[in-house]
C-alpha atoms as a PDB file:
ATOM      1  CA  MET A   1       0.000   0.000   0.000  1.00  0.00           C
ATOM      2  CA  ARG A   2       2.760   2.425   0.955  1.00  0.00           C
ATOM      3  CA  ARG A   3       4.643   1.594  -2.237  1.00  0.00           C
ATOM      4  CA  ALA A   4       1.518   2.304  -4.315  1.00  0.00           C
ATOM      5  CA  LEU A   5       1.114   5.697  -2.619  1.00  0.00           C
ATOM      6  CA  LEU A   6       4.765   6.570  -3.213  1.00  0.00           C
ATOM      7  CA  THR A   7       4.476   5.530  -6.850  1.00  0.00           C
ATOM      8  CA  ALA A   8       1.310   7.617  -7.293  1.00  0.00           C
ATOM      9  CA  ALA A   9       2.965  10.613  -5.624  1.00  0.00           C
ATOM     10  CA  ALA A  10       6.040  10.300  -7.836  1.00  0.00           C
ATOM     11  CA  LEU A  11       3.911  10.066 -10.981  1.00  0.00           C
ATOM     12  CA  SER A  12       1.861  13.088  -9.918  1.00  0.00           C
ATOM     13  CA  ALA A  13       5.005  15.112  -9.244  1.00  0.00           C
ATOM     14  CA  THR A  14       6.455  14.128 -12.611  1.00  0.00           C
ATOM     15  CA  ALA A  15       3.244  15.097 -14.402  1.00  0.00           C
ATOM     16  CA  LEU A  16       3.129  18.433 -12.573  1.00  0.00           C
ATOM     17  CA  LEU A  17       6.720  19.234 -13.546  1.00  0.00           C
ATOM     18  CA  ALA A  18       6.062  18.265 -17.149  1.00  0.00           C
ATOM     19  CA  LEU A  19       2.955  20.425 -17.353  1.00  0.00           C
ATOM     20  CA  SER A  20       4.617  23.410 -15.711  1.00  0.00           C
ATOM     21  CA  GLY A  21       7.260  23.335 -18.448  1.00  0.00           C
ATOM     22  CA  CYS A  22       4.592  23.384 -21.149  1.00  0.00           C
ATOM     23  CA  ALA A  23       3.845  27.079 -20.994  1.00  0.00           C
ATOM     24  CA  ALA A  24       3.187  28.031 -24.577  1.00  0.00           C
ATOM     25  CA  ALA A  25       6.014  29.920 -26.206  1.00  0.00           C
ATOM     26  CA  PRO A  26       4.911  32.998 -28.109  1.00  0.00           C
ATOM     27  CA  SER A  27       4.156  32.430 -31.764  1.00  0.00           C
ATOM     28  CA  PHE A  28       6.041  34.866 -33.960  1.00  0.00           C
ATOM     29  CA  THR A  29       5.048  33.159 -37.203  1.00  0.00           C
ATOM     30  CA  GLY A  30       2.413  34.653 -39.425  1.00  0.00           C
ATOM     31  CA  SER A  31       1.419  37.983 -40.885  1.00  0.00           C
ATOM     32  CA  TRP A  32       1.619  41.222 -38.905  1.00  0.00           C
ATOM     33  CA  ALA A  33       0.393  44.661 -39.932  1.00  0.00           C
ATOM     34  CA  GLY A  34       0.209  48.232 -38.714  1.00  0.00           C
ATOM     35  CA  GLU A  35      -2.656  50.656 -39.210  1.00  0.00           C
ATOM     36  CA  GLY A  36      -3.295  53.526 -41.577  1.00  0.00           C
ATOM     37  CA  ASP A  37      -1.922  54.600 -44.926  1.00  0.00           C
ATOM     38  CA  ASN A  38       1.487  53.170 -45.814  1.00  0.00           C
ATOM     39  CA  ALA A  39       1.213  50.829 -42.819  1.00  0.00           C
ATOM     40  CA  PRO A  40       4.143  48.538 -42.050  1.00  0.00           C
ATOM     41  CA  GLU A  41       3.753  44.815 -42.738  1.00  0.00           C
ATOM     42  CA  LEU A  42       5.790  41.819 -41.654  1.00  0.00           C
ATOM     43  CA  GLU A  43       5.615  38.109 -42.490  1.00  0.00           C
ATOM     44  CA  ILE A  44       7.561  35.619 -40.334  1.00  0.00           C
ATOM     45  CA  THR A  45       7.765  31.974 -41.454  1.00  0.00           C
ATOM     46  CA  GLU A  46       8.214  28.855 -39.320  1.00  0.00           C
ATOM     47  CA  ASP A  47      11.962  28.799 -40.049  1.00  0.00           C
ATOM     48  CA  TRP A  48      12.174  32.448 -38.784  1.00  0.00           C
ATOM     49  CA  ALA A  49      12.752  33.932 -42.246  1.00  0.00           C
ATOM     50  CA  PHE A  50      10.964  37.248 -42.626  1.00  0.00           C
ATOM     51  CA  THR A  51       9.935  39.750 -45.260  1.00  0.00           C
ATOM     52  CA  GLY A  52       8.262  43.049 -44.736  1.00  0.00           C
ATOM     53  CA  SER A  53       7.770  46.662 -45.576  1.00  0.00           C
ATOM     54  CA  ASP A  54       7.781  49.801 -43.470  1.00  0.00           C
ATOM     55  CA  GLY A  55       5.226  51.255 -45.881  1.00  0.00           C
ATOM     56  CA  CYS A  56       7.890  52.289 -48.363  1.00  0.00           C
ATOM     57  CA  ASN A  57      11.091  50.259 -47.989  1.00  0.00           C
ATOM     58  CA  THR A  58      11.186  46.475 -48.137  1.00  0.00           C
ATOM     59  CA  MET A  59      13.163  44.218 -45.826  1.00  0.00           C
ATOM     60  CA  VAL A  60      14.210  40.571 -45.919  1.00  0.00           C
ATOM     61  CA  GLY A  61      16.190  38.427 -43.518  1.00  0.00           C
ATOM     62  CA  SER A  62      16.325  35.441 -41.216  1.00  0.00           C
ATOM     63  CA  GLY A  63      15.928  35.809 -37.481  1.00  0.00           C
ATOM     64  CA  THR A  64      16.289  33.628 -34.410  1.00  0.00           C
ATOM     65  CA  VAL A  65      14.120  33.004 -31.367  1.00  0.00           C
ATOM     66  CA  ASP A  66      15.454  32.857 -27.824  1.00  0.00           C
ATOM     67  CA  GLY A  67      12.698  32.213 -25.309  1.00  0.00           C
ATOM     68  CA  ASP A  68      10.125  34.956 -25.752  1.00  0.00           C
ATOM     69  CA  THR A  69      12.220  37.195 -28.006  1.00  0.00           C
ATOM     70  CA  PHE A  70      12.546  37.247 -31.791  1.00  0.00           C
ATOM     71  CA  ASP A  71      15.939  38.607 -32.876  1.00  0.00           C
ATOM     72  CA  PHE A  72      15.901  40.102 -36.373  1.00  0.00           C
ATOM     73  CA  GLY A  73      19.680  39.856 -36.699  1.00  0.00           C
ATOM     74  CA  ARG A  74      21.208  41.370 -39.802  1.00  0.00           C
ATOM     75  CA  PHE A  75      18.807  41.930 -42.668  1.00  0.00           C
ATOM     76  CA  ALA A  76      18.657  43.623 -46.044  1.00  0.00           C
ATOM     77  CA  THR A  77      16.469  46.644 -46.600  1.00  0.00           C
ATOM     78  CA  THR A  78      16.001  49.217 -49.300  1.00  0.00           C
ATOM     79  CA  ARG A  79      16.708  52.814 -48.287  1.00  0.00           C
ATOM     80  CA  LYS A  80      14.381  54.918 -50.431  1.00  0.00           C
ATOM     81  CA  TYR A  81      13.318  58.367 -49.324  1.00  0.00           C
ATOM     82  CA  CYS A  82       9.669  58.162 -48.407  1.00  0.00           C
ATOM     83  CA  GLU A  83       7.986  61.470 -47.664  1.00  0.00           C
ATOM     84  CA  GLY A  84       5.378  61.165 -44.955  1.00  0.00           C
ATOM     85  CA  VAL A  85       6.228  57.522 -44.104  1.00  0.00           C
ATOM     86  CA  ASP A  86       7.526  56.538 -40.672  1.00  0.00           C
ATOM     87  CA  THR A  87      10.244  54.000 -41.476  1.00  0.00           C
ATOM     88  CA  TRP A  88      10.619  52.650 -37.920  1.00  0.00           C
ATOM     89  CA  LEU A  89      10.336  48.980 -38.932  1.00  0.00           C
ATOM     90  CA  SER A  90      13.657  49.176 -40.805  1.00  0.00           C
ATOM     91  CA  LEU A  91      15.349  49.882 -37.423  1.00  0.00           C
ATOM     92  CA  ALA A  92      14.111  46.599 -35.880  1.00  0.00           C
ATOM     93  CA  GLY A  93      16.448  44.730 -33.559  1.00  0.00           C
ATOM     94  CA  SER A  94      14.090  42.350 -31.761  1.00  0.00           C
ATOM     95  CA  ALA A  95      10.420  41.741 -31.013  1.00  0.00           C
ATOM     96  CA  THR A  96       8.153  40.258 -28.378  1.00  0.00           C
ATOM     97  CA  VAL A  97       4.583  38.959 -28.608  1.00  0.00           C
ATOM     98  CA  GLN A  98       1.727  39.570 -26.201  1.00  0.00           C
ATOM     99  CA  GLY A  99      -1.484  38.028 -27.498  1.00  0.00           C
ATOM    100  CA  ASP A 100      -2.008  39.354 -31.033  1.00  0.00           C
ATOM    101  CA  THR A 101       0.445  42.255 -30.651  1.00  0.00           C
ATOM    102  CA  LEU A 102       4.033  42.156 -31.872  1.00  0.00           C
ATOM    103  CA  THR A 103       6.124  44.850 -30.160  1.00  0.00           C
ATOM    104  CA  VAL A 104       9.178  45.782 -32.210  1.00  0.00           C
ATOM    105  CA  LEU A 105      12.259  47.030 -30.357  1.00  0.00           C
ATOM    106  CA  ASP A 106      15.427  48.706 -31.574  1.00  0.00           C
ATOM    107  CA  LEU A 107      18.931  47.359 -30.913  1.00  0.00           C
ATOM    108  CA  ASP A 108      18.956  49.048 -27.481  1.00  0.00           C
ATOM    109  CA  GLY A 109      15.610  47.530 -26.484  1.00  0.00           C
ATOM    110  CA  ALA A 110      13.547  50.707 -26.863  1.00  0.00           C
ATOM    111  CA  GLU A 111      10.076  50.257 -28.336  1.00  0.00           C
ATOM    112  CA  LEU A 112       9.788  51.344 -31.964  1.00  0.00           C
ATOM    113  CA  GLY A 113       6.170  50.387 -32.615  1.00  0.00           C
ATOM    114  CA  THR A 114       3.603  47.599 -32.646  1.00  0.00           C
ATOM    115  CA  LEU A 115       2.014  45.400 -35.280  1.00  0.00           C
ATOM    116  CA  THR A 116      -1.169  43.352 -34.986  1.00  0.00           C
ATOM    117  CA  ARG A 117      -1.509  39.722 -36.055  1.00  0.00           C
ATOM    118  CA  ALA A 118      -3.456  39.540 -39.297  1.00  0.00           C
ATOM    119  CA  LYS A 119      -6.714  37.606 -39.031  1.00  0.00           C
ATOM    120  CA  GLY A 120      -7.357  34.761 -41.360  1.00  0.00           C
END
């Protein structure tokens, strides 16, 4: 009887530890978009490759994920002059996800802007 209780307790503890480690990691993959005219757009694939536009300039690269942070790494971008367009996305260093909001940060960790997960 005691052995059965110890076995049950050990199995319960193992299951609890396994479940506590199953917190869902943020999903960076998919389409993200800003609002308004010339809104920024970003597409991140399952292998962390990305393409996007800040509303004028295009960008392409391959990032990495470490925990809850997407690191854009080095990427290529055009550098056209775009009157009236905020080109903040081309300064991206990393990003985090909270629900359906992707917060884009610069290389120093300051917030540049947010994009919303595209529905569909």
